Amino acid sequence: MIKNKIILCVFVSVLLCAPAVAADKAVFAGGCFWCMEADFEKLEGVREVISGFTGGVLKNPTYNGNHAGHVEAVEISYDSEKISYEELLEYYWHHIDPFDAEGQFCDKGASYVTAIFVANDKERELAEQSKNRIARQFPNQKVVTPILAQSTFYPVQGNESNHQDYYKNNPVRYKVYRWNCGRDKRLQEIWRTRGNID
């Protein structure tokens, strides 16, 4: 009896002290990070989406200050048992304009271009395969979204942290911005005949 209690206590202690399973992460740039965050947080299996900057060499870029060389991006933490990296890629393509090298929708400029940031060779292979599938779907257009090696991701923080969960904290302003930017209208134009996983 005492032996069973000891075994039970040890088992419970191991469970309580076991580290939480680390989430897999994916980093995508798709124009306005408010919109990317809002789109990806809808997905089952996505644990968290953080808005920030990546792709450049400048340390600690800021939204209202200097973020030269960086793009607006999101870091997606996800449970790979519920959603795969391939599914995230498919969803990503359907939420960007992969043919616009100047930015996304009403947002133009280097910080608003699209990109897939891969962490390893497996992600690169899956990203290349998904990009090739999109290219085959649109043989008369050039898919300009690059596949790049991940670099440091800088979450928007400090006095600019209001950019995290902007669509939740400022729903009216966010909806007006998204509608005026023409994002959903353009996405419908591109993807309505190609299927969408929304």
N, C-alpha and C. Protein backbone atom coordinates (compact mmCIF):
# COMPACT_ATOMS: atom_id res chain seq x y z
N MET A 1 0.82 -1.20 0.00
CA MET A 1 0.00 0.00 0.00
C MET A 1 0.86 1.26 0.00
N ILE A 2 1.83 1.29 0.91
CA ILE A 2 2.74 2.44 0.99
C ILE A 2 3.56 2.55 -0.28
N LYS A 3 3.97 1.39 -0.81
CA LYS A 3 4.75 1.38 -2.05
C LYS A 3 3.96 1.98 -3.20
N ASN A 4 2.67 1.64 -3.28
CA ASN A 4 1.80 2.19 -4.33
C ASN A 4 1.65 3.70 -4.21
N LYS A 5 1.55 4.17 -2.95
CA LYS A 5 1.42 5.62 -2.73
C LYS A 5 2.70 6.35 -3.17
N ILE A 6 3.83 5.75 -2.87
CA ILE A 6 5.11 6.35 -3.26
C ILE A 6 5.22 6.42 -4.78
N ILE A 7 4.86 5.31 -5.44
CA ILE A 7 4.91 5.28 -6.92
C ILE A 7 3.98 6.35 -7.49
N LEU A 8 2.78 6.46 -6.91
CA LEU A 8 1.81 7.46 -7.37
C LEU A 8 2.36 8.88 -7.19
N CYS A 9 2.97 9.14 -6.03
CA CYS A 9 3.54 10.48 -5.78
C CYS A 9 4.66 10.81 -6.77
N VAL A 10 5.52 9.83 -7.04
CA VAL A 10 6.61 10.04 -7.99
C VAL A 10 6.04 10.32 -9.38
N PHE A 11 5.03 9.56 -9.78
CA PHE A 11 4.41 9.73 -11.09
C PHE A 11 3.79 11.12 -11.22
N VAL A 12 3.06 11.55 -10.20
CA VAL A 12 2.43 12.88 -10.22
C VAL A 12 3.50 13.97 -10.26
N SER A 13 4.57 13.79 -9.50
CA SER A 13 5.67 14.78 -9.50
C SER A 13 6.30 14.92 -10.88
N VAL A 14 6.50 13.79 -11.55
CA VAL A 14 7.08 13.82 -12.89
C VAL A 14 6.16 14.57 -13.84
N LEU A 15 4.85 14.30 -13.74
CA LEU A 15 3.90 15.00 -14.62
C LEU A 15 3.89 16.49 -14.37
N LEU A 16 3.93 16.88 -13.09
CA LEU A 16 3.88 18.30 -12.75
C LEU A 16 5.15 19.03 -13.14
N CYS A 17 6.27 18.34 -13.11
CA CYS A 17 7.55 18.98 -13.41
C CYS A 17 7.94 18.88 -14.88
N ALA A 18 7.20 18.09 -15.64
CA ALA A 18 7.55 17.91 -17.05
C ALA A 18 7.39 19.23 -17.79
N PRO A 19 8.35 19.58 -18.64
CA PRO A 19 8.23 20.83 -19.39
C PRO A 19 7.08 20.75 -20.39
N ALA A 20 6.47 21.89 -20.64
CA ALA A 20 5.39 21.93 -21.63
C ALA A 20 5.98 21.64 -23.01
N VAL A 21 5.21 20.99 -23.84
CA VAL A 21 5.67 20.66 -25.18
C VAL A 21 5.83 21.97 -25.97
N ALA A 22 7.00 22.16 -26.53
CA ALA A 22 7.27 23.39 -27.28
C ALA A 22 6.46 23.40 -28.57
N ALA A 23 5.94 24.55 -28.90
CA ALA A 23 5.18 24.69 -30.14
C ALA A 23 6.13 24.85 -31.31
N ASP A 24 5.73 24.33 -32.45
CA ASP A 24 6.46 24.61 -33.68
C ASP A 24 6.16 26.05 -34.08
N LYS A 25 7.06 26.63 -34.88
CA LYS A 25 6.87 28.02 -35.29
C LYS A 25 7.05 28.17 -36.79
N ALA A 26 6.30 29.08 -37.36
CA ALA A 26 6.41 29.44 -38.76
C ALA A 26 6.43 30.96 -38.85
N VAL A 27 7.19 31.48 -39.80
CA VAL A 27 7.29 32.94 -39.97
C VAL A 27 6.94 33.29 -41.41
N PHE A 28 5.91 34.13 -41.56
CA PHE A 28 5.45 34.56 -42.88
C PHE A 28 5.30 36.08 -42.92
N ALA A 29 5.62 36.66 -44.07
CA ALA A 29 5.34 38.07 -44.32
C ALA A 29 4.27 38.14 -45.39
N GLY A 30 3.26 38.95 -45.14
CA GLY A 30 2.15 39.05 -46.09
C GLY A 30 1.52 40.42 -46.09
N GLY A 31 2.34 41.44 -46.04
CA GLY A 31 1.79 42.79 -45.96
C GLY A 31 1.50 43.13 -44.51
N CYS A 32 0.46 43.88 -44.29
CA CYS A 32 0.08 44.34 -42.95
C CYS A 32 0.03 43.20 -41.94
N PHE A 33 0.83 43.31 -40.88
CA PHE A 33 0.84 42.21 -39.92
C PHE A 33 -0.44 42.14 -39.09
N TRP A 34 -1.21 43.24 -39.02
CA TRP A 34 -2.51 43.15 -38.34
C TRP A 34 -3.39 42.12 -39.02
N CYS A 35 -3.40 42.18 -40.35
CA CYS A 35 -4.27 41.29 -41.12
C CYS A 35 -3.79 39.85 -41.08
N MET A 36 -2.49 39.66 -41.17
CA MET A 36 -1.94 38.30 -41.10
C MET A 36 -2.23 37.67 -39.74
N GLU A 37 -2.08 38.47 -38.69
CA GLU A 37 -2.36 37.98 -37.34
C GLU A 37 -3.82 37.57 -37.23
N ALA A 38 -4.72 38.43 -37.69
CA ALA A 38 -6.15 38.14 -37.62
C ALA A 38 -6.51 36.89 -38.40
N ASP A 39 -5.93 36.72 -39.59
CA ASP A 39 -6.24 35.55 -40.43
C ASP A 39 -5.75 34.25 -39.80
N PHE A 40 -4.52 34.23 -39.32
CA PHE A 40 -3.95 32.98 -38.81
C PHE A 40 -4.48 32.59 -37.44
N GLU A 41 -4.91 33.56 -36.64
CA GLU A 41 -5.44 33.21 -35.33
C GLU A 41 -6.78 32.48 -35.41
N LYS A 42 -7.39 32.45 -36.59
CA LYS A 42 -8.66 31.73 -36.77
C LYS A 42 -8.46 30.22 -36.85
N LEU A 43 -7.24 29.79 -37.12
CA LEU A 43 -6.99 28.39 -37.41
C LEU A 43 -6.89 27.53 -36.16
N GLU A 44 -7.58 26.38 -36.18
CA GLU A 44 -7.45 25.42 -35.10
C GLU A 44 -6.03 24.85 -35.13
N GLY A 45 -5.42 24.79 -33.98
CA GLY A 45 -4.05 24.30 -33.89
C GLY A 45 -3.03 25.42 -33.80
N VAL A 46 -3.44 26.64 -34.12
CA VAL A 46 -2.55 27.80 -33.96
C VAL A 46 -2.70 28.29 -32.53
N ARG A 47 -1.59 28.34 -31.83
CA ARG A 47 -1.61 28.73 -30.42
C ARG A 47 -1.49 30.24 -30.22
N GLU A 48 -0.63 30.85 -31.05
CA GLU A 48 -0.37 32.29 -30.88
C GLU A 48 0.20 32.84 -32.17
N VAL A 49 -0.15 34.08 -32.47
CA VAL A 49 0.42 34.78 -33.62
C VAL A 49 0.94 36.12 -33.12
N ILE A 50 2.22 36.38 -33.39
CA ILE A 50 2.85 37.61 -32.92
C ILE A 50 3.24 38.46 -34.12
N SER A 51 2.90 39.74 -34.07
CA SER A 51 3.28 40.69 -35.11
C SER A 51 4.68 41.23 -34.83
N GLY A 52 5.45 41.39 -35.91
CA GLY A 52 6.79 41.93 -35.72
C GLY A 52 7.50 42.18 -37.02
N PHE A 53 8.81 42.27 -36.93
CA PHE A 53 9.66 42.54 -38.09
C PHE A 53 10.74 41.47 -38.21
N THR A 54 11.15 41.18 -39.44
CA THR A 54 12.24 40.26 -39.68
C THR A 54 12.81 40.49 -41.07
N GLY A 55 13.93 39.84 -41.35
CA GLY A 55 14.51 39.88 -42.68
C GLY A 55 15.64 40.87 -42.86
N GLY A 56 15.79 41.81 -41.93
CA GLY A 56 16.82 42.82 -42.06
C GLY A 56 17.96 42.60 -41.07
N VAL A 57 18.92 43.51 -41.07
CA VAL A 57 20.06 43.40 -40.16
C VAL A 57 19.99 44.40 -39.01
N LEU A 58 19.13 45.40 -39.14
CA LEU A 58 18.97 46.40 -38.09
C LEU A 58 18.43 45.75 -36.83
N LYS A 59 19.08 46.01 -35.70
CA LYS A 59 18.61 45.45 -34.43
C LYS A 59 17.49 46.31 -33.85
N ASN A 60 16.54 45.63 -33.23
CA ASN A 60 15.43 46.29 -32.54
C ASN A 60 14.68 47.30 -33.40
N PRO A 61 14.18 46.87 -34.56
CA PRO A 61 13.41 47.80 -35.41
C PRO A 61 12.11 48.21 -34.71
N THR A 62 11.62 49.38 -35.07
CA THR A 62 10.37 49.87 -34.48
C THR A 62 9.41 50.28 -35.59
N TYR A 63 8.13 50.27 -35.28
CA TYR A 63 7.10 50.58 -36.26
C TYR A 63 7.15 52.05 -36.67
N ASN A 64 7.19 52.92 -35.69
CA ASN A 64 7.18 54.37 -35.97
C ASN A 64 8.57 54.95 -36.16
N GLY A 65 9.58 54.15 -35.88
CA GLY A 65 10.95 54.61 -36.06
C GLY A 65 11.60 53.93 -37.25
N ASN A 66 12.76 53.37 -37.03
CA ASN A 66 13.53 52.77 -38.12
C ASN A 66 13.31 51.26 -38.18
N HIS A 67 12.79 50.78 -39.30
CA HIS A 67 12.72 49.34 -39.54
C HIS A 67 13.22 49.02 -40.96
N ALA A 68 14.14 49.85 -41.43
CA ALA A 68 14.68 49.69 -42.78
C ALA A 68 15.30 48.31 -42.96
N GLY A 69 14.99 47.69 -44.08
CA GLY A 69 15.52 46.38 -44.39
C GLY A 69 14.66 45.24 -43.89
N HIS A 70 13.74 45.53 -42.98
CA HIS A 70 12.85 44.52 -42.43
C HIS A 70 11.49 44.54 -43.13
N VAL A 71 10.79 43.43 -43.02
CA VAL A 71 9.41 43.37 -43.50
C VAL A 71 8.49 43.13 -42.31
N GLU A 72 7.25 43.60 -42.43
CA GLU A 72 6.25 43.25 -41.44
C GLU A 72 5.94 41.76 -41.60
N ALA A 73 5.94 41.05 -40.49
CA ALA A 73 5.76 39.60 -40.54
C ALA A 73 5.03 39.12 -39.29
N VAL A 74 4.65 37.85 -39.32
CA VAL A 74 4.06 37.23 -38.14
C VAL A 74 4.82 35.95 -37.80
N GLU A 75 4.96 35.72 -36.52
CA GLU A 75 5.53 34.46 -36.02
C GLU A 75 4.37 33.65 -35.46
N ILE A 76 4.15 32.49 -36.05
CA ILE A 76 3.00 31.65 -35.72
C ILE A 76 3.47 30.46 -34.91
N SER A 77 2.98 30.34 -33.68
CA SER A 77 3.25 29.16 -32.86
C SER A 77 2.07 28.20 -33.05
N TYR A 78 2.38 26.96 -33.39
CA TYR A 78 1.29 26.02 -33.71
C TYR A 78 1.58 24.62 -33.20
N ASP A 79 0.52 23.86 -33.02
CA ASP A 79 0.60 22.47 -32.59
C ASP A 79 0.60 21.61 -33.84
N SER A 80 1.73 21.00 -34.14
CA SER A 80 1.85 20.23 -35.38
C SER A 80 1.02 18.94 -35.38
N GLU A 81 0.46 18.58 -34.23
CA GLU A 81 -0.44 17.43 -34.19
C GLU A 81 -1.85 17.82 -34.63
N LYS A 82 -2.12 19.13 -34.66
CA LYS A 82 -3.44 19.61 -35.06
C LYS A 82 -3.42 20.29 -36.42
N ILE A 83 -2.31 20.89 -36.77
CA ILE A 83 -2.19 21.54 -38.07
C ILE A 83 -0.73 21.41 -38.54
N SER A 84 -0.55 21.09 -39.79
CA SER A 84 0.80 20.86 -40.30
C SER A 84 1.38 22.13 -40.91
N TYR A 85 2.69 22.12 -41.09
CA TYR A 85 3.35 23.24 -41.77
C TYR A 85 2.83 23.37 -43.19
N GLU A 86 2.57 22.24 -43.86
CA GLU A 86 2.02 22.27 -45.22
C GLU A 86 0.67 22.96 -45.25
N GLU A 87 -0.16 22.71 -44.25
CA GLU A 87 -1.48 23.36 -44.19
C GLU A 87 -1.34 24.86 -43.94
N LEU A 88 -0.38 25.24 -43.12
CA LEU A 88 -0.12 26.67 -42.90
C LEU A 88 0.31 27.34 -44.20
N LEU A 89 1.17 26.67 -44.95
CA LEU A 89 1.61 27.22 -46.23
C LEU A 89 0.44 27.41 -47.18
N GLU A 90 -0.42 26.41 -47.29
CA GLU A 90 -1.58 26.50 -48.18
C GLU A 90 -2.48 27.67 -47.78
N TYR A 91 -2.70 27.80 -46.49
CA TYR A 91 -3.52 28.89 -45.98
C TYR A 91 -2.86 30.24 -46.27
N TYR A 92 -1.55 30.28 -46.08
CA TYR A 92 -0.80 31.51 -46.34
C TYR A 92 -1.01 32.01 -47.76
N TRP A 93 -0.82 31.13 -48.74
CA TRP A 93 -0.96 31.55 -50.14
C TRP A 93 -2.32 32.16 -50.41
N HIS A 94 -3.37 31.61 -49.79
CA HIS A 94 -4.72 32.10 -50.03
C HIS A 94 -5.03 33.40 -49.30
N HIS A 95 -4.05 33.93 -48.57
CA HIS A 95 -4.26 35.19 -47.85
C HIS A 95 -3.27 36.27 -48.26
N ILE A 96 -2.62 36.05 -49.40
CA ILE A 96 -1.73 37.07 -49.95
C ILE A 96 -1.98 37.19 -51.46
N ASP A 97 -1.41 38.24 -52.03
CA ASP A 97 -1.34 38.37 -53.49
C ASP A 97 0.10 38.00 -53.86
N PRO A 98 0.31 36.77 -54.34
CA PRO A 98 1.68 36.31 -54.60
C PRO A 98 2.32 36.89 -55.85
N PHE A 99 1.59 37.77 -56.55
CA PHE A 99 2.09 38.33 -57.81
C PHE A 99 2.54 39.78 -57.68
N ASP A 100 2.39 40.38 -56.51
CA ASP A 100 2.70 41.79 -56.31
C ASP A 100 4.07 41.95 -55.66
N ALA A 101 5.03 42.42 -56.42
CA ALA A 101 6.39 42.61 -55.91
C ALA A 101 6.57 43.96 -55.21
N GLU A 102 5.54 44.81 -55.25
CA GLU A 102 5.65 46.17 -54.70
C GLU A 102 5.09 46.29 -53.29
N GLY A 103 4.44 45.27 -52.79
CA GLY A 103 3.79 45.32 -51.48
C GLY A 103 2.53 44.48 -51.51
N GLN A 104 1.58 44.82 -50.65
CA GLN A 104 0.33 44.07 -50.61
C GLN A 104 -0.85 45.02 -50.51
N PHE A 105 -1.74 44.90 -51.53
CA PHE A 105 -3.00 45.63 -51.53
C PHE A 105 -2.71 47.13 -51.51
N CYS A 106 -3.24 47.89 -50.54
CA CYS A 106 -2.99 49.33 -50.55
C CYS A 106 -1.64 49.69 -49.95
N ASP A 107 -0.99 48.75 -49.31
CA ASP A 107 0.29 49.01 -48.65
C ASP A 107 1.43 48.68 -49.60
N LYS A 108 2.14 49.69 -50.03
CA LYS A 108 3.26 49.50 -50.95
C LYS A 108 4.56 49.89 -50.28
N GLY A 109 5.63 49.25 -50.72
CA GLY A 109 6.94 49.54 -50.17
C GLY A 109 7.61 48.27 -49.68
N ALA A 110 8.90 48.37 -49.43
CA ALA A 110 9.73 47.21 -49.11
C ALA A 110 9.28 46.49 -47.84
N SER A 111 8.71 47.19 -46.89
CA SER A 111 8.33 46.53 -45.63
C SER A 111 7.02 45.76 -45.74
N TYR A 112 6.33 45.87 -46.89
CA TYR A 112 5.04 45.20 -47.05
C TYR A 112 5.07 44.06 -48.06
N VAL A 113 6.24 43.67 -48.51
CA VAL A 113 6.30 42.58 -49.49
C VAL A 113 6.08 41.24 -48.80
N THR A 114 5.82 40.21 -49.60
CA THR A 114 5.59 38.88 -49.07
C THR A 114 6.89 38.10 -48.98
N ALA A 115 6.92 37.12 -48.09
CA ALA A 115 8.08 36.21 -47.98
C ALA A 115 7.72 35.07 -47.04
N ILE A 116 8.30 33.92 -47.32
CA ILE A 116 8.22 32.77 -46.42
C ILE A 116 9.62 32.60 -45.84
N PHE A 117 9.71 32.60 -44.50
CA PHE A 117 11.00 32.47 -43.83
C PHE A 117 11.12 31.06 -43.26
N VAL A 118 12.06 30.30 -43.78
CA VAL A 118 12.18 28.89 -43.39
C VAL A 118 13.31 28.69 -42.38
N ALA A 119 13.08 27.74 -41.47
CA ALA A 119 14.04 27.49 -40.39
C ALA A 119 15.02 26.38 -40.71
N ASN A 120 14.70 25.54 -41.69
CA ASN A 120 15.55 24.38 -41.97
C ASN A 120 15.29 23.87 -43.38
N ASP A 121 16.02 22.85 -43.76
CA ASP A 121 15.91 22.30 -45.12
C ASP A 121 14.54 21.69 -45.39
N LYS A 122 13.94 21.07 -44.38
CA LYS A 122 12.62 20.46 -44.56
C LYS A 122 11.57 21.53 -44.85
N GLU A 123 11.58 22.60 -44.09
CA GLU A 123 10.64 23.70 -44.34
C GLU A 123 10.88 24.30 -45.73
N ARG A 124 12.15 24.44 -46.11
CA ARG A 124 12.45 24.99 -47.43
C ARG A 124 11.88 24.09 -48.53
N GLU A 125 12.06 22.80 -48.38
CA GLU A 125 11.54 21.86 -49.38
C GLU A 125 10.03 21.95 -49.49
N LEU A 126 9.35 21.99 -48.34
CA LEU A 126 7.88 22.08 -48.35
C LEU A 126 7.41 23.42 -48.92
N ALA A 127 8.13 24.50 -48.58
CA ALA A 127 7.78 25.82 -49.11
C ALA A 127 7.97 25.87 -50.62
N GLU A 128 9.08 25.31 -51.11
CA GLU A 128 9.32 25.28 -52.56
C GLU A 128 8.25 24.47 -53.28
N GLN A 129 7.87 23.34 -52.70
CA GLN A 129 6.82 22.52 -53.31
C GLN A 129 5.50 23.28 -53.38
N SER A 130 5.17 23.99 -52.30
CA SER A 130 3.91 24.73 -52.28
C SER A 130 3.95 25.89 -53.28
N LYS A 131 5.10 26.56 -53.38
CA LYS A 131 5.24 27.66 -54.34
C LYS A 131 5.11 27.14 -55.77
N ASN A 132 5.69 25.99 -56.03
CA ASN A 132 5.58 25.39 -57.37
C ASN A 132 4.14 25.04 -57.71
N ARG A 133 3.38 24.58 -56.71
CA ARG A 133 1.96 24.27 -56.95
C ARG A 133 1.19 25.54 -57.32
N ILE A 134 1.48 26.62 -56.62
CA ILE A 134 0.81 27.89 -56.93
C ILE A 134 1.20 28.35 -58.33
N ALA A 135 2.46 28.24 -58.67
CA ALA A 135 2.93 28.64 -60.01
C ALA A 135 2.23 27.84 -61.10
N ARG A 136 2.00 26.56 -60.85
CA ARG A 136 1.30 25.74 -61.85
C ARG A 136 -0.16 26.15 -61.98
N GLN A 137 -0.77 26.63 -60.90
CA GLN A 137 -2.16 27.08 -60.96
C GLN A 137 -2.31 28.36 -61.76
N PHE A 138 -1.25 29.16 -61.81
CA PHE A 138 -1.29 30.45 -62.48
C PHE A 138 -0.14 30.52 -63.50
N PRO A 139 -0.22 29.75 -64.57
CA PRO A 139 0.90 29.67 -65.52
C PRO A 139 1.20 30.98 -66.24
N ASN A 140 0.26 31.91 -66.26
CA ASN A 140 0.47 33.17 -66.98
C ASN A 140 0.91 34.31 -66.07
N GLN A 141 1.17 34.01 -64.80
CA GLN A 141 1.61 35.04 -63.87
C GLN A 141 2.84 34.57 -63.12
N LYS A 142 3.65 35.51 -62.66
CA LYS A 142 4.87 35.17 -61.94
C LYS A 142 4.65 35.27 -60.44
N VAL A 143 4.91 34.18 -59.74
CA VAL A 143 4.84 34.18 -58.28
C VAL A 143 6.14 34.80 -57.76
N VAL A 144 6.03 35.95 -57.12
CA VAL A 144 7.22 36.71 -56.72
C VAL A 144 7.60 36.51 -55.25
N THR A 145 6.78 35.81 -54.49
CA THR A 145 7.06 35.60 -53.07
C THR A 145 8.34 34.77 -52.89
N PRO A 146 9.37 35.33 -52.24
CA PRO A 146 10.61 34.57 -52.07
C PRO A 146 10.54 33.63 -50.86
N ILE A 147 11.40 32.65 -50.88
CA ILE A 147 11.58 31.74 -49.74
C ILE A 147 12.97 32.04 -49.19
N LEU A 148 13.03 32.51 -47.96
CA LEU A 148 14.27 33.02 -47.37
C LEU A 148 14.59 32.29 -46.06
N ALA A 149 15.85 32.27 -45.71
CA ALA A 149 16.25 31.71 -44.41
C ALA A 149 15.78 32.62 -43.29
N GLN A 150 15.30 31.99 -42.22
CA GLN A 150 14.85 32.78 -41.07
C GLN A 150 16.02 33.56 -40.48
N SER A 151 15.70 34.76 -40.04
CA SER A 151 16.65 35.56 -39.28
C SER A 151 15.94 35.98 -38.00
N THR A 152 16.56 36.83 -37.22
CA THR A 152 15.95 37.23 -35.95
C THR A 152 14.58 37.86 -36.18
N PHE A 153 13.60 37.40 -35.41
CA PHE A 153 12.26 37.96 -35.45
C PHE A 153 12.12 38.91 -34.26
N TYR A 154 11.72 40.15 -34.55
CA TYR A 154 11.57 41.17 -33.51
C TYR A 154 10.08 41.48 -33.31
N PRO A 155 9.48 40.99 -32.23
CA PRO A 155 8.08 41.35 -31.97
C PRO A 155 7.94 42.86 -31.76
N VAL A 156 6.83 43.41 -32.21
CA VAL A 156 6.55 44.81 -31.91
C VAL A 156 6.22 44.87 -30.42
N GLN A 157 6.91 45.72 -29.70
CA GLN A 157 6.73 45.75 -28.25
C GLN A 157 6.92 47.15 -27.69
N GLY A 158 7.01 47.21 -26.38
CA GLY A 158 7.17 48.50 -25.72
C GLY A 158 5.96 49.38 -25.93
N ASN A 159 6.20 50.67 -26.19
CA ASN A 159 5.07 51.59 -26.36
C ASN A 159 4.35 51.38 -27.69
N GLU A 160 4.84 50.45 -28.52
CA GLU A 160 4.18 50.14 -29.78
C GLU A 160 3.45 48.80 -29.72
N SER A 161 3.34 48.23 -28.53
CA SER A 161 2.75 46.90 -28.38
C SER A 161 1.26 46.87 -28.72
N ASN A 162 0.65 48.04 -28.93
CA ASN A 162 -0.76 48.07 -29.35
C ASN A 162 -0.95 47.43 -30.72
N HIS A 163 0.15 47.17 -31.43
CA HIS A 163 0.04 46.49 -32.72
C HIS A 163 -0.22 44.99 -32.56
N GLN A 164 0.06 44.44 -31.37
CA GLN A 164 -0.32 43.06 -31.11
C GLN A 164 -1.83 43.01 -30.88
N ASP A 165 -2.49 42.05 -31.54
CA ASP A 165 -3.95 41.88 -31.40
C ASP A 165 -4.71 43.16 -31.77
N TYR A 166 -4.18 43.89 -32.74
CA TYR A 166 -4.83 45.15 -33.11
C TYR A 166 -6.27 44.94 -33.54
N TYR A 167 -6.51 43.85 -34.27
CA TYR A 167 -7.87 43.60 -34.77
C TYR A 167 -8.86 43.31 -33.64
N LYS A 168 -8.37 42.82 -32.50
CA LYS A 168 -9.24 42.57 -31.35
C LYS A 168 -9.45 43.85 -30.54
N ASN A 169 -8.37 44.59 -30.35
CA ASN A 169 -8.42 45.76 -29.49
C ASN A 169 -9.00 47.00 -30.18
N ASN A 170 -8.98 47.03 -31.51
CA ASN A 170 -9.51 48.15 -32.28
C ASN A 170 -10.35 47.63 -33.44
N PRO A 171 -11.43 46.89 -33.13
CA PRO A 171 -12.17 46.18 -34.19
C PRO A 171 -12.75 47.07 -35.28
N VAL A 172 -13.28 48.22 -34.91
CA VAL A 172 -13.89 49.10 -35.91
C VAL A 172 -12.82 49.68 -36.83
N ARG A 173 -11.77 50.24 -36.24
CA ARG A 173 -10.67 50.80 -37.04
C ARG A 173 -10.05 49.74 -37.94
N TYR A 174 -9.87 48.54 -37.39
CA TYR A 174 -9.27 47.46 -38.17
C TYR A 174 -10.14 47.10 -39.36
N LYS A 175 -11.44 46.96 -39.15
CA LYS A 175 -12.34 46.57 -40.25
C LYS A 175 -12.38 47.66 -41.33
N VAL A 176 -12.38 48.92 -40.90
CA VAL A 176 -12.38 50.03 -41.87
C VAL A 176 -11.08 50.00 -42.68
N TYR A 177 -9.96 49.83 -41.99
CA TYR A 177 -8.67 49.77 -42.68
C TYR A 177 -8.67 48.61 -43.69
N ARG A 178 -9.06 47.43 -43.25
CA ARG A 178 -8.99 46.25 -44.12
C ARG A 178 -9.88 46.43 -45.34
N TRP A 179 -11.07 46.97 -45.14
CA TRP A 179 -12.00 47.17 -46.26
C TRP A 179 -11.44 48.22 -47.22
N ASN A 180 -10.97 49.35 -46.69
CA ASN A 180 -10.44 50.43 -47.53
C ASN A 180 -9.18 49.99 -48.29
N CYS A 181 -8.44 49.08 -47.69
CA CYS A 181 -7.20 48.62 -48.33
C CYS A 181 -7.49 47.67 -49.49
N GLY A 182 -8.70 47.14 -49.56
CA GLY A 182 -9.07 46.27 -50.68
C GLY A 182 -8.50 44.86 -50.59
N ARG A 183 -8.09 44.47 -49.41
CA ARG A 183 -7.45 43.16 -49.23
C ARG A 183 -8.39 42.02 -49.62
N ASP A 184 -9.56 41.98 -49.01
CA ASP A 184 -10.47 40.85 -49.25
C ASP A 184 -11.00 40.84 -50.68
N LYS A 185 -11.22 42.01 -51.25
CA LYS A 185 -11.69 42.08 -52.64
C LYS A 185 -10.65 41.47 -53.58
N ARG A 186 -9.39 41.84 -53.39
CA ARG A 186 -8.32 41.31 -54.24
C ARG A 186 -8.14 39.81 -54.03
N LEU A 187 -8.21 39.36 -52.78
CA LEU A 187 -8.08 37.93 -52.51
C LEU A 187 -9.18 37.13 -53.20
N GLN A 188 -10.38 37.67 -53.20
CA GLN A 188 -11.48 37.00 -53.90
C GLN A 188 -11.21 36.93 -55.40
N GLU A 189 -10.69 38.02 -55.95
CA GLU A 189 -10.37 38.04 -57.39
C GLU A 189 -9.36 36.95 -57.74
N ILE A 190 -8.37 36.77 -56.90
CA ILE A 190 -7.31 35.80 -57.19
C ILE A 190 -7.79 34.37 -56.98
N TRP A 191 -8.44 34.12 -55.85
CA TRP A 191 -8.63 32.76 -55.38
C TRP A 191 -10.03 32.18 -55.56
N ARG A 192 -11.02 32.96 -55.96
CA ARG A 192 -12.39 32.45 -55.98
C ARG A 192 -12.56 31.22 -56.88
N THR A 193 -11.79 31.14 -57.98
CA THR A 193 -11.93 30.00 -58.88
C THR A 193 -10.90 28.91 -58.58
N ARG A 194 -10.02 29.17 -57.60
CA ARG A 194 -8.97 28.20 -57.31
C ARG A 194 -9.23 27.45 -56.00
N GLY A 195 -10.32 27.80 -55.31
CA GLY A 195 -10.63 27.15 -54.04
C GLY A 195 -9.92 27.89 -52.90
N ASN A 196 -10.56 27.87 -51.76
CA ASN A 196 -10.02 28.55 -50.58
C ASN A 196 -10.30 27.67 -49.37
N ILE A 197 -9.38 27.61 -48.40
CA ILE A 197 -9.59 26.75 -47.25
C ILE A 197 -10.21 27.48 -46.07
N ASP A 198 -10.65 28.71 -46.27
CA ASP A 198 -11.36 29.44 -45.20
C ASP A 198 -12.64 28.75 -44.82
